Amino acid sequence: MLRMAARTSATTPPGAPKIGLRERKKIQTRQAIRRAAYRLFEEQGYDATPVDQIAAAADVSPSTVFRYFPTKEDMVLTDEYDTVLETGIRARPTDEPVVESVRRVSIETLRTMAAQERGELVQRLRLIREVPAIRGRTAERTAQDAAMLTAVLAERSGRPADDLELRVISAVILAALQEAMLHWGEGDRTTDPEAPVHRAMDVLARGLTL
């Protein structure tokens, strides 16, 4: 899923509208909190790092941290790319197969990542694997993404938003993306992360046959 796929620096995510100074400052604050959190998680471990210590390292108050991230898990799972999948798919041709739309949006996002961002992605994937609370929160956010994708597909297809086939398609596509990124994170991370995404989407495109 794209929540796992990239993290923004000072730039605007692909497909997003240009942002003003106030929003850029908010993004910079979120980034400062996340980077402090990731550094402390790496040094001390996730469970051993309290929110007030993250706040101090980011030079903000604990209340500011919670204003940007309601839970500590959200520091790992939330970034400025959260709307990329929805925005990107809406921009794709309506007659394009949904697997291809998701493939193209995912690959475009991965290609925007700098070396530092890929390092943070590796750490994010490791935390998802190792921390039960983050895995649980990941499941919640994946369900939200699935509902979003189902709604977009309903608009594209003219089907009702509660259509079972659309729900199944959305769930399968997001699960495939997640497994592709986890597979990359568990293996040789010097390789291109685009490859497992292509492979996962190829499996879906050919109809889940082996």
N, C-alpha and C. Protein backbone atom coordinates (compact mmCIF):
# COMPACT_ATOMS: atom_id res chain seq x y z
N MET A 1 0.83 -1.18 0.00
CA MET A 1 0.00 0.00 0.00
C MET A 1 0.87 1.23 0.00
N LEU A 2 0.34 2.36 -0.48
CA LEU A 2 1.20 3.52 -0.65
C LEU A 2 1.58 4.18 0.66
N ARG A 3 0.88 3.92 1.71
CA ARG A 3 1.32 4.46 2.99
C ARG A 3 2.71 3.92 3.32
N MET A 4 3.01 2.72 2.82
CA MET A 4 4.29 2.10 3.08
C MET A 4 5.31 2.44 2.00
N ALA A 5 4.87 3.01 0.92
CA ALA A 5 5.72 3.07 -0.26
C ALA A 5 6.60 4.29 -0.35
N ALA A 6 6.28 5.38 0.28
CA ALA A 6 7.10 6.57 0.12
C ALA A 6 6.85 7.58 1.21
N ARG A 7 7.76 8.49 1.34
CA ARG A 7 7.67 9.55 2.32
C ARG A 7 8.20 10.82 1.66
N THR A 8 7.53 11.93 1.85
CA THR A 8 7.91 13.15 1.15
C THR A 8 9.03 13.89 1.85
N SER A 9 9.79 14.68 1.10
CA SER A 9 10.78 15.56 1.70
C SER A 9 10.20 16.96 1.67
N ALA A 10 10.84 17.89 0.99
CA ALA A 10 10.28 19.25 0.93
C ALA A 10 9.40 19.44 -0.29
N THR A 11 9.20 18.37 -1.03
CA THR A 11 8.46 18.48 -2.27
C THR A 11 7.02 18.03 -2.08
N THR A 12 6.20 18.31 -3.08
CA THR A 12 4.81 17.90 -3.05
C THR A 12 4.69 16.51 -3.66
N PRO A 13 3.91 15.60 -3.07
CA PRO A 13 3.74 14.27 -3.63
C PRO A 13 3.18 14.32 -5.03
N PRO A 14 3.48 13.29 -5.86
CA PRO A 14 2.98 13.29 -7.23
C PRO A 14 1.46 13.36 -7.26
N GLY A 15 0.92 14.15 -8.15
CA GLY A 15 -0.52 14.23 -8.32
C GLY A 15 -1.22 15.14 -7.34
N ALA A 16 -0.48 15.70 -6.37
CA ALA A 16 -1.11 16.56 -5.37
C ALA A 16 -1.04 18.01 -5.83
N PRO A 17 -2.02 18.83 -5.43
CA PRO A 17 -1.98 20.24 -5.80
C PRO A 17 -0.85 20.97 -5.08
N LYS A 18 -0.42 22.10 -5.65
CA LYS A 18 0.62 22.88 -5.00
C LYS A 18 0.10 23.41 -3.66
N ILE A 19 1.02 23.51 -2.70
CA ILE A 19 0.62 23.91 -1.36
C ILE A 19 1.21 25.26 -0.99
N GLY A 20 0.55 25.93 -0.07
CA GLY A 20 0.99 27.24 0.37
C GLY A 20 2.00 27.17 1.50
N LEU A 21 2.46 28.34 1.93
CA LEU A 21 3.50 28.43 2.95
C LEU A 21 3.04 27.80 4.26
N ARG A 22 1.80 28.08 4.67
CA ARG A 22 1.31 27.54 5.94
C ARG A 22 1.31 26.02 5.95
N GLU A 23 0.86 25.43 4.84
CA GLU A 23 0.82 23.98 4.78
C GLU A 23 2.23 23.41 4.70
N ARG A 24 3.15 24.11 4.01
CA ARG A 24 4.53 23.64 3.97
C ARG A 24 5.14 23.61 5.36
N LYS A 25 4.81 24.61 6.18
CA LYS A 25 5.33 24.63 7.55
C LYS A 25 4.77 23.46 8.36
N LYS A 26 3.51 23.14 8.13
CA LYS A 26 2.92 21.98 8.81
C LYS A 26 3.63 20.70 8.40
N ILE A 27 3.91 20.58 7.11
CA ILE A 27 4.61 19.40 6.62
C ILE A 27 6.00 19.30 7.26
N GLN A 28 6.69 20.44 7.34
CA GLN A 28 8.02 20.44 7.94
C GLN A 28 7.97 20.03 9.41
N THR A 29 6.93 20.46 10.12
CA THR A 29 6.78 20.06 11.52
C THR A 29 6.53 18.57 11.62
N ARG A 30 5.64 18.05 10.78
CA ARG A 30 5.38 16.61 10.79
C ARG A 30 6.65 15.83 10.49
N GLN A 31 7.42 16.32 9.51
CA GLN A 31 8.65 15.64 9.15
C GLN A 31 9.64 15.65 10.31
N ALA A 32 9.76 16.79 11.00
CA ALA A 32 10.68 16.88 12.12
C ALA A 32 10.31 15.88 13.22
N ILE A 33 9.01 15.76 13.49
CA ILE A 33 8.56 14.82 14.51
C ILE A 33 8.86 13.38 14.07
N ARG A 34 8.53 13.06 12.81
CA ARG A 34 8.76 11.70 12.34
C ARG A 34 10.23 11.34 12.35
N ARG A 35 11.07 12.26 11.89
CA ARG A 35 12.50 11.95 11.83
C ARG A 35 13.08 11.76 13.21
N ALA A 36 12.64 12.58 14.16
CA ALA A 36 13.08 12.41 15.54
C ALA A 36 12.62 11.06 16.07
N ALA A 37 11.38 10.71 15.76
CA ALA A 37 10.84 9.43 16.22
C ALA A 37 11.63 8.27 15.62
N TYR A 38 11.87 8.31 14.32
CA TYR A 38 12.60 7.22 13.67
C TYR A 38 14.01 7.08 14.24
N ARG A 39 14.66 8.22 14.49
CA ARG A 39 16.02 8.15 15.05
C ARG A 39 16.00 7.52 16.44
N LEU A 40 15.06 7.93 17.27
CA LEU A 40 14.98 7.38 18.62
C LEU A 40 14.54 5.92 18.61
N PHE A 41 13.64 5.57 17.72
CA PHE A 41 13.23 4.17 17.62
C PHE A 41 14.43 3.29 17.25
N GLU A 42 15.26 3.81 16.35
CA GLU A 42 16.45 3.05 15.93
C GLU A 42 17.44 2.91 17.07
N GLU A 43 17.60 3.97 17.87
CA GLU A 43 18.59 3.97 18.95
C GLU A 43 18.11 3.21 20.18
N GLN A 44 16.83 3.34 20.52
CA GLN A 44 16.33 2.84 21.80
C GLN A 44 15.31 1.72 21.68
N GLY A 45 14.72 1.59 20.51
CA GLY A 45 13.61 0.66 20.34
C GLY A 45 12.28 1.39 20.43
N TYR A 46 11.29 0.86 19.77
CA TYR A 46 9.99 1.52 19.69
C TYR A 46 9.33 1.63 21.07
N ASP A 47 9.22 0.53 21.78
CA ASP A 47 8.50 0.53 23.05
C ASP A 47 9.21 1.36 24.11
N ALA A 48 10.54 1.50 24.01
CA ALA A 48 11.31 2.23 25.02
C ALA A 48 11.36 3.73 24.74
N THR A 49 10.68 4.19 23.72
CA THR A 49 10.73 5.61 23.35
C THR A 49 9.39 6.27 23.65
N PRO A 50 9.31 7.11 24.70
CA PRO A 50 8.04 7.78 25.01
C PRO A 50 7.81 8.99 24.11
N VAL A 51 6.56 9.39 24.01
CA VAL A 51 6.19 10.50 23.14
C VAL A 51 6.84 11.80 23.60
N ASP A 52 6.94 12.02 24.92
CA ASP A 52 7.53 13.28 25.39
C ASP A 52 8.99 13.39 24.99
N GLN A 53 9.69 12.26 24.87
CA GLN A 53 11.08 12.29 24.43
C GLN A 53 11.16 12.63 22.94
N ILE A 54 10.23 12.10 22.17
CA ILE A 54 10.18 12.44 20.74
C ILE A 54 9.90 13.93 20.58
N ALA A 55 8.98 14.45 21.38
CA ALA A 55 8.64 15.87 21.30
C ALA A 55 9.87 16.73 21.59
N ALA A 56 10.61 16.37 22.63
CA ALA A 56 11.80 17.14 22.98
C ALA A 56 12.84 17.09 21.86
N ALA A 57 13.01 15.91 21.26
CA ALA A 57 13.99 15.77 20.18
C ALA A 57 13.59 16.57 18.95
N ALA A 58 12.29 16.74 18.74
CA ALA A 58 11.79 17.50 17.59
C ALA A 58 11.60 18.98 17.92
N ASP A 59 11.86 19.35 19.18
CA ASP A 59 11.72 20.73 19.64
C ASP A 59 10.28 21.24 19.52
N VAL A 60 9.34 20.38 19.90
CA VAL A 60 7.93 20.75 19.95
C VAL A 60 7.35 20.23 21.26
N SER A 61 6.13 20.61 21.56
CA SER A 61 5.47 20.14 22.77
C SER A 61 4.80 18.79 22.52
N PRO A 62 4.58 17.99 23.59
CA PRO A 62 3.83 16.73 23.40
C PRO A 62 2.45 16.95 22.79
N SER A 63 1.80 18.06 23.15
CA SER A 63 0.48 18.33 22.58
C SER A 63 0.56 18.56 21.07
N THR A 64 1.67 19.16 20.62
CA THR A 64 1.87 19.34 19.18
C THR A 64 2.05 18.00 18.49
N VAL A 65 2.79 17.11 19.12
CA VAL A 65 2.96 15.76 18.56
C VAL A 65 1.62 15.10 18.35
N PHE A 66 0.76 15.14 19.39
CA PHE A 66 -0.53 14.47 19.29
C PHE A 66 -1.48 15.19 18.34
N ARG A 67 -1.25 16.47 18.10
CA ARG A 67 -2.07 17.18 17.12
C ARG A 67 -1.79 16.66 15.71
N TYR A 68 -0.54 16.31 15.47
CA TYR A 68 -0.18 15.79 14.15
C TYR A 68 -0.34 14.28 14.06
N PHE A 69 -0.11 13.59 15.17
CA PHE A 69 -0.16 12.13 15.19
C PHE A 69 -0.95 11.67 16.41
N PRO A 70 -2.22 11.30 16.24
CA PRO A 70 -3.06 10.91 17.36
C PRO A 70 -2.49 9.75 18.20
N THR A 71 -1.74 8.84 17.57
CA THR A 71 -1.11 7.75 18.29
C THR A 71 0.36 7.65 17.89
N LYS A 72 1.15 6.98 18.72
CA LYS A 72 2.56 6.81 18.39
C LYS A 72 2.72 5.98 17.12
N GLU A 73 1.81 5.03 16.92
CA GLU A 73 1.88 4.20 15.71
C GLU A 73 1.74 5.04 14.44
N ASP A 74 0.96 6.12 14.54
CA ASP A 74 0.75 6.96 13.36
C ASP A 74 2.03 7.68 12.92
N MET A 75 3.00 7.83 13.82
CA MET A 75 4.27 8.41 13.41
C MET A 75 4.99 7.53 12.39
N VAL A 76 4.71 6.25 12.45
CA VAL A 76 5.31 5.31 11.51
C VAL A 76 4.47 5.19 10.23
N LEU A 77 3.16 5.28 10.38
CA LEU A 77 2.26 4.92 9.28
C LEU A 77 1.66 6.11 8.52
N THR A 78 1.81 7.33 9.04
CA THR A 78 1.18 8.49 8.42
C THR A 78 2.23 9.36 7.75
N ASP A 79 1.95 9.80 6.53
CA ASP A 79 2.83 10.76 5.86
C ASP A 79 2.04 11.53 4.81
N GLU A 80 2.73 12.41 4.09
CA GLU A 80 2.06 13.27 3.12
C GLU A 80 1.64 12.53 1.87
N TYR A 81 1.95 11.23 1.79
CA TYR A 81 1.57 10.44 0.64
C TYR A 81 0.26 9.68 0.86
N ASP A 82 -0.43 9.97 1.95
CA ASP A 82 -1.62 9.19 2.28
C ASP A 82 -2.73 9.32 1.24
N THR A 83 -2.76 10.42 0.50
CA THR A 83 -3.83 10.61 -0.50
C THR A 83 -3.36 10.31 -1.92
N VAL A 84 -2.13 9.84 -2.07
CA VAL A 84 -1.58 9.65 -3.41
C VAL A 84 -2.35 8.59 -4.19
N LEU A 85 -2.70 7.48 -3.54
CA LEU A 85 -3.38 6.42 -4.27
C LEU A 85 -4.72 6.91 -4.82
N GLU A 86 -5.51 7.56 -3.97
CA GLU A 86 -6.81 8.05 -4.42
C GLU A 86 -6.66 9.09 -5.52
N THR A 87 -5.78 10.08 -5.31
CA THR A 87 -5.57 11.13 -6.30
C THR A 87 -5.05 10.56 -7.61
N GLY A 88 -4.09 9.63 -7.49
CA GLY A 88 -3.49 9.06 -8.69
C GLY A 88 -4.48 8.24 -9.51
N ILE A 89 -5.29 7.42 -8.85
CA ILE A 89 -6.25 6.60 -9.58
C ILE A 89 -7.32 7.47 -10.24
N ARG A 90 -7.75 8.51 -9.55
CA ARG A 90 -8.75 9.41 -10.14
C ARG A 90 -8.21 10.08 -11.40
N ALA A 91 -6.89 10.22 -11.49
CA ALA A 91 -6.29 10.87 -12.65
C ALA A 91 -6.05 9.91 -13.81
N ARG A 92 -6.17 8.61 -13.56
CA ARG A 92 -5.95 7.63 -14.62
C ARG A 92 -7.18 7.53 -15.52
N PRO A 93 -7.01 7.06 -16.77
CA PRO A 93 -8.16 6.88 -17.67
C PRO A 93 -9.18 5.92 -17.07
N THR A 94 -10.44 6.25 -17.17
CA THR A 94 -11.48 5.43 -16.55
C THR A 94 -11.61 4.05 -17.18
N ASP A 95 -11.15 3.89 -18.43
CA ASP A 95 -11.24 2.59 -19.07
C ASP A 95 -9.99 1.74 -18.86
N GLU A 96 -9.04 2.23 -18.08
CA GLU A 96 -7.83 1.47 -17.80
C GLU A 96 -8.12 0.43 -16.72
N PRO A 97 -7.64 -0.81 -16.88
CA PRO A 97 -7.84 -1.81 -15.83
C PRO A 97 -7.29 -1.30 -14.49
N VAL A 98 -8.03 -1.57 -13.42
CA VAL A 98 -7.67 -1.01 -12.12
C VAL A 98 -6.29 -1.49 -11.67
N VAL A 99 -5.92 -2.73 -12.01
CA VAL A 99 -4.59 -3.23 -11.64
C VAL A 99 -3.52 -2.37 -12.28
N GLU A 100 -3.72 -1.99 -13.55
CA GLU A 100 -2.73 -1.15 -14.23
C GLU A 100 -2.69 0.25 -13.63
N SER A 101 -3.86 0.77 -13.26
CA SER A 101 -3.88 2.10 -12.63
C SER A 101 -3.09 2.09 -11.34
N VAL A 102 -3.32 1.09 -10.51
CA VAL A 102 -2.60 1.00 -9.23
C VAL A 102 -1.12 0.77 -9.46
N ARG A 103 -0.79 -0.06 -10.43
CA ARG A 103 0.62 -0.30 -10.75
C ARG A 103 1.32 1.02 -11.11
N ARG A 104 0.72 1.78 -11.99
CA ARG A 104 1.37 3.01 -12.47
C ARG A 104 1.50 4.05 -11.37
N VAL A 105 0.46 4.19 -10.54
CA VAL A 105 0.53 5.14 -9.44
C VAL A 105 1.60 4.71 -8.43
N SER A 106 1.66 3.43 -8.11
CA SER A 106 2.64 2.92 -7.15
C SER A 106 4.06 3.11 -7.65
N ILE A 107 4.30 2.77 -8.90
CA ILE A 107 5.65 2.88 -9.45
C ILE A 107 6.07 4.35 -9.53
N GLU A 108 5.15 5.22 -9.93
CA GLU A 108 5.49 6.64 -9.99
C GLU A 108 5.88 7.17 -8.61
N THR A 109 5.18 6.72 -7.59
CA THR A 109 5.50 7.15 -6.23
C THR A 109 6.87 6.65 -5.81
N LEU A 110 7.15 5.38 -6.06
CA LEU A 110 8.45 4.82 -5.69
C LEU A 110 9.59 5.55 -6.39
N ARG A 111 9.36 5.98 -7.62
CA ARG A 111 10.43 6.63 -8.38
C ARG A 111 10.76 8.02 -7.85
N THR A 112 9.88 8.60 -7.04
CA THR A 112 10.16 9.92 -6.48
C THR A 112 11.03 9.84 -5.22
N MET A 113 11.27 8.65 -4.73
CA MET A 113 11.96 8.50 -3.45
C MET A 113 13.45 8.75 -3.56
N ALA A 114 13.99 9.51 -2.62
CA ALA A 114 15.43 9.71 -2.51
C ALA A 114 16.02 8.58 -1.68
N ALA A 115 17.37 8.52 -1.64
CA ALA A 115 18.05 7.46 -0.89
C ALA A 115 17.66 7.47 0.59
N GLN A 116 17.60 8.66 1.18
CA GLN A 116 17.22 8.77 2.59
C GLN A 116 15.80 8.24 2.81
N GLU A 117 14.92 8.54 1.88
CA GLU A 117 13.54 8.10 2.01
C GLU A 117 13.43 6.58 1.91
N ARG A 118 14.28 5.97 1.09
CA ARG A 118 14.26 4.51 1.00
C ARG A 118 14.76 3.91 2.31
N GLY A 119 15.73 4.56 2.94
CA GLY A 119 16.20 4.08 4.23
C GLY A 119 15.10 4.13 5.28
N GLU A 120 14.31 5.20 5.26
CA GLU A 120 13.19 5.31 6.19
C GLU A 120 12.12 4.27 5.88
N LEU A 121 11.93 3.97 4.60
CA LEU A 121 10.96 2.96 4.22
C LEU A 121 11.37 1.59 4.77
N VAL A 122 12.65 1.28 4.69
CA VAL A 122 13.14 0.01 5.25
C VAL A 122 12.85 -0.06 6.75
N GLN A 123 13.10 1.04 7.46
CA GLN A 123 12.85 1.06 8.89
C GLN A 123 11.36 0.91 9.17
N ARG A 124 10.54 1.55 8.38
CA ARG A 124 9.09 1.44 8.55
C ARG A 124 8.65 -0.01 8.38
N LEU A 125 9.13 -0.67 7.35
CA LEU A 125 8.75 -2.06 7.11
C LEU A 125 9.20 -2.96 8.26
N ARG A 126 10.39 -2.69 8.78
CA ARG A 126 10.87 -3.49 9.91
C ARG A 126 9.99 -3.29 11.14
N LEU A 127 9.60 -2.05 11.41
CA LEU A 127 8.74 -1.78 12.56
C LEU A 127 7.38 -2.45 12.39
N ILE A 128 6.84 -2.45 11.18
CA ILE A 128 5.57 -3.11 10.94
C ILE A 128 5.68 -4.60 11.24
N ARG A 129 6.79 -5.20 10.85
CA ARG A 129 6.98 -6.63 11.11
C ARG A 129 7.15 -6.92 12.60
N GLU A 130 7.86 -6.06 13.32
CA GLU A 130 8.30 -6.38 14.67
C GLU A 130 7.40 -5.88 15.78
N VAL A 131 6.60 -4.85 15.56
CA VAL A 131 5.83 -4.23 16.63
C VAL A 131 4.35 -4.57 16.47
N PRO A 132 3.78 -5.36 17.39
CA PRO A 132 2.37 -5.75 17.26
C PRO A 132 1.42 -4.56 17.17
N ALA A 133 1.66 -3.51 17.95
CA ALA A 133 0.76 -2.36 17.93
C ALA A 133 0.74 -1.70 16.55
N ILE A 134 1.89 -1.66 15.88
CA ILE A 134 1.95 -1.07 14.54
C ILE A 134 1.27 -1.97 13.53
N ARG A 135 1.43 -3.29 13.68
CA ARG A 135 0.73 -4.20 12.78
C ARG A 135 -0.78 -4.04 12.90
N GLY A 136 -1.26 -3.88 14.15
CA GLY A 136 -2.69 -3.68 14.34
C GLY A 136 -3.19 -2.40 13.73
N ARG A 137 -2.42 -1.33 13.91
CA ARG A 137 -2.80 -0.05 13.33
C ARG A 137 -2.73 -0.11 11.81
N THR A 138 -1.78 -0.88 11.28
CA THR A 138 -1.68 -1.04 9.83
C THR A 138 -2.94 -1.68 9.27
N ALA A 139 -3.47 -2.67 9.98
CA ALA A 139 -4.71 -3.32 9.53
C ALA A 139 -5.87 -2.33 9.50
N GLU A 140 -5.95 -1.46 10.51
CA GLU A 140 -7.01 -0.46 10.54
C GLU A 140 -6.90 0.50 9.36
N ARG A 141 -5.69 0.95 9.09
CA ARG A 141 -5.50 1.91 8.02
C ARG A 141 -5.68 1.26 6.65
N THR A 142 -5.34 -0.02 6.53
CA THR A 142 -5.57 -0.73 5.28
C THR A 142 -7.06 -0.85 5.01
N ALA A 143 -7.84 -1.08 6.05
CA ALA A 143 -9.30 -1.14 5.88
C ALA A 143 -9.84 0.20 5.41
N GLN A 144 -9.29 1.30 5.94
CA GLN A 144 -9.70 2.62 5.48
C GLN A 144 -9.34 2.83 4.01
N ASP A 145 -8.14 2.40 3.64
CA ASP A 145 -7.71 2.51 2.24
C ASP A 145 -8.60 1.68 1.33
N ALA A 146 -8.99 0.49 1.80
CA ALA A 146 -9.84 -0.37 0.99
C ALA A 146 -11.20 0.28 0.75
N ALA A 147 -11.74 0.92 1.78
CA ALA A 147 -13.02 1.61 1.62
C ALA A 147 -12.89 2.76 0.63
N MET A 148 -11.76 3.48 0.70
CA MET A 148 -11.52 4.57 -0.24
C MET A 148 -11.43 4.05 -1.67
N LEU A 149 -10.65 2.98 -1.86
CA LEU A 149 -10.47 2.44 -3.20
C LEU A 149 -11.78 1.90 -3.75
N THR A 150 -12.57 1.27 -2.91
CA THR A 150 -13.87 0.77 -3.33
C THR A 150 -14.77 1.91 -3.81
N ALA A 151 -14.74 3.03 -3.07
CA ALA A 151 -15.56 4.19 -3.47
C ALA A 151 -15.11 4.74 -4.82
N VAL A 152 -13.80 4.81 -5.04
CA VAL A 152 -13.29 5.31 -6.32
C VAL A 152 -13.69 4.38 -7.45
N LEU A 153 -13.57 3.07 -7.23
CA LEU A 153 -13.94 2.10 -8.26
C LEU A 153 -15.44 2.13 -8.54
N ALA A 154 -16.24 2.40 -7.50
CA ALA A 154 -17.68 2.51 -7.70
C ALA A 154 -18.00 3.68 -8.62
N GLU A 155 -17.29 4.79 -8.42
CA GLU A 155 -17.49 5.96 -9.28
C GLU A 155 -17.10 5.65 -10.72
N ARG A 156 -15.99 4.92 -10.89
CA ARG A 156 -15.50 4.61 -12.23
C ARG A 156 -16.40 3.63 -12.96
N SER A 157 -16.99 2.71 -12.19
CA SER A 157 -17.75 1.62 -12.81
C SER A 157 -19.25 1.85 -12.83
N GLY A 158 -19.73 2.79 -12.01
CA GLY A 158 -21.17 3.00 -11.91
C GLY A 158 -21.86 1.99 -11.02
N ARG A 159 -21.08 1.16 -10.33
CA ARG A 159 -21.66 0.18 -9.41
C ARG A 159 -21.92 0.82 -8.05
N PRO A 160 -22.75 0.20 -7.23
CA PRO A 160 -22.98 0.73 -5.89
C PRO A 160 -21.72 0.61 -5.02
N ALA A 161 -21.58 1.50 -4.05
CA ALA A 161 -20.37 1.55 -3.23
C ALA A 161 -20.20 0.33 -2.35
N ASP A 162 -21.30 -0.42 -2.10
CA ASP A 162 -21.20 -1.61 -1.27
C ASP A 162 -21.13 -2.89 -2.10
N ASP A 163 -20.82 -2.76 -3.38
CA ASP A 163 -20.72 -3.92 -4.27
C ASP A 163 -19.64 -4.88 -3.78
N LEU A 164 -20.00 -6.15 -3.62
CA LEU A 164 -19.05 -7.13 -3.07
C LEU A 164 -17.83 -7.30 -3.96
N GLU A 165 -18.02 -7.35 -5.26
CA GLU A 165 -16.88 -7.55 -6.16
C GLU A 165 -15.88 -6.40 -6.04
N LEU A 166 -16.38 -5.18 -5.94
CA LEU A 166 -15.48 -4.04 -5.77
C LEU A 166 -14.71 -4.14 -4.46
N ARG A 167 -15.39 -4.56 -3.40
CA ARG A 167 -14.72 -4.70 -2.10
C ARG A 167 -13.63 -5.77 -2.17
N VAL A 168 -13.92 -6.86 -2.85
CA VAL A 168 -12.93 -7.93 -2.99
C VAL A 168 -11.73 -7.44 -3.80
N ILE A 169 -11.99 -6.77 -4.92
CA ILE A 169 -10.91 -6.26 -5.75
C ILE A 169 -10.03 -5.29 -4.97
N SER A 170 -10.64 -4.38 -4.24
CA SER A 170 -9.88 -3.40 -3.46
C SER A 170 -9.02 -4.08 -2.40
N ALA A 171 -9.60 -5.03 -1.69
CA ALA A 171 -8.86 -5.73 -0.63
C ALA A 171 -7.69 -6.51 -1.20
N VAL A 172 -7.91 -7.18 -2.33
CA VAL A 172 -6.85 -7.99 -2.93
C VAL A 172 -5.71 -7.11 -3.44
N ILE A 173 -6.04 -6.01 -4.09
CA ILE A 173 -5.00 -5.13 -4.63
C ILE A 173 -4.15 -4.56 -3.50
N LEU A 174 -4.77 -4.07 -2.44
CA LEU A 174 -4.01 -3.48 -1.34
C LEU A 174 -3.18 -4.54 -0.62
N ALA A 175 -3.72 -5.74 -0.47
CA ALA A 175 -2.94 -6.81 0.14
C ALA A 175 -1.72 -7.16 -0.71
N ALA A 176 -1.90 -7.16 -2.03
CA ALA A 176 -0.79 -7.45 -2.92
C ALA A 176 0.30 -6.39 -2.82
N LEU A 177 -0.10 -5.12 -2.76
CA LEU A 177 0.89 -4.05 -2.60
C LEU A 177 1.65 -4.19 -1.29
N GLN A 178 0.91 -4.47 -0.22
CA GLN A 178 1.56 -4.60 1.08
C GLN A 178 2.55 -5.75 1.09
N GLU A 179 2.15 -6.90 0.55
CA GLU A 179 3.06 -8.04 0.53
C GLU A 179 4.27 -7.78 -0.35
N ALA A 180 4.08 -7.04 -1.44
CA ALA A 180 5.21 -6.71 -2.31
C ALA A 180 6.25 -5.90 -1.56
N MET A 181 5.81 -4.90 -0.80
CA MET A 181 6.74 -4.06 -0.07
C MET A 181 7.39 -4.81 1.10
N LEU A 182 6.62 -5.64 1.79
CA LEU A 182 7.20 -6.43 2.88
C LEU A 182 8.22 -7.42 2.34
N HIS A 183 7.93 -8.01 1.20
CA HIS A 183 8.87 -8.94 0.57
C HIS A 183 10.17 -8.24 0.24
N TRP A 184 10.06 -7.03 -0.30
CA TRP A 184 11.28 -6.26 -0.61
C TRP A 184 12.04 -5.94 0.67
N GLY A 185 11.34 -5.52 1.71
CA GLY A 185 11.99 -5.16 2.96
C GLY A 185 12.67 -6.32 3.64
N GLU A 186 12.19 -7.53 3.41
CA GLU A 186 12.77 -8.71 4.04
C GLU A 186 13.96 -9.26 3.26
N GLY A 187 14.11 -8.83 2.02
CA GLY A 187 15.13 -9.40 1.16
C GLY A 187 16.31 -8.46 0.94
N ASP A 188 16.83 -8.49 -0.27
CA ASP A 188 17.98 -7.66 -0.65
C ASP A 188 17.47 -6.26 -0.96
N ARG A 189 17.65 -5.35 0.00
CA ARG A 189 17.08 -4.01 -0.15
C ARG A 189 17.93 -3.11 -1.04
N THR A 190 19.02 -3.65 -1.58
CA THR A 190 19.77 -2.87 -2.57
C THR A 190 19.13 -3.00 -3.94
N THR A 191 18.19 -3.92 -4.08
CA THR A 191 17.49 -4.09 -5.34
C THR A 191 16.40 -3.03 -5.47
N ASP A 192 15.85 -2.92 -6.66
CA ASP A 192 14.83 -1.92 -6.95
C ASP A 192 13.50 -2.35 -6.33
N PRO A 193 12.87 -1.54 -5.48
CA PRO A 193 11.57 -1.92 -4.90
C PRO A 193 10.44 -1.95 -5.90
N GLU A 194 10.69 -1.42 -7.12
CA GLU A 194 9.64 -1.47 -8.13
C GLU A 194 9.39 -2.90 -8.60
N ALA A 195 10.43 -3.74 -8.58
CA ALA A 195 10.31 -5.09 -9.12
C ALA A 195 9.24 -5.92 -8.42
N PRO A 196 9.20 -5.98 -7.08
CA PRO A 196 8.14 -6.77 -6.45
C PRO A 196 6.74 -6.20 -6.68
N VAL A 197 6.63 -4.89 -6.86
CA VAL A 197 5.32 -4.31 -7.16
C VAL A 197 4.86 -4.78 -8.53
N HIS A 198 5.74 -4.73 -9.52
CA HIS A 198 5.39 -5.24 -10.85
C HIS A 198 4.99 -6.72 -10.77
N ARG A 199 5.77 -7.49 -10.02
CA ARG A 199 5.49 -8.93 -9.92
C ARG A 199 4.13 -9.18 -9.28
N ALA A 200 3.84 -8.44 -8.21
CA ALA A 200 2.55 -8.61 -7.52
C ALA A 200 1.39 -8.23 -8.43
N MET A 201 1.54 -7.12 -9.15
CA MET A 201 0.46 -6.71 -10.05
C MET A 201 0.31 -7.67 -11.22
N ASP A 202 1.41 -8.28 -11.66
CA ASP A 202 1.33 -9.28 -12.73
C ASP A 202 0.51 -10.49 -12.29
N VAL A 203 0.68 -10.88 -11.02
CA VAL A 203 -0.10 -12.01 -10.50
C VAL A 203 -1.59 -11.69 -10.56
N LEU A 204 -1.94 -10.48 -10.18
CA LEU A 204 -3.36 -10.10 -10.22
C LEU A 204 -3.86 -9.99 -11.65
N ALA A 205 -3.03 -9.43 -12.52
CA ALA A 205 -3.47 -9.22 -13.90
C ALA A 205 -3.75 -10.52 -14.62
N ARG A 206 -3.00 -11.58 -14.28
CA ARG A 206 -3.23 -12.86 -14.97
C ARG A 206 -4.29 -13.71 -14.27
N GLY A 207 -4.89 -13.19 -13.22
CA GLY A 207 -6.01 -13.88 -12.59
C GLY A 207 -5.65 -14.82 -11.46
N LEU A 208 -4.58 -14.51 -10.72
CA LEU A 208 -4.17 -15.29 -9.54
C LEU A 208 -3.80 -16.73 -9.87
N THR A 209 -3.37 -16.98 -11.10
CA THR A 209 -2.92 -18.32 -11.47
C THR A 209 -1.42 -18.43 -11.25
N LEU A 210 -0.95 -19.65 -11.05
CA LEU A 210 0.48 -19.88 -10.83
C LEU A 210 1.15 -20.32 -12.12
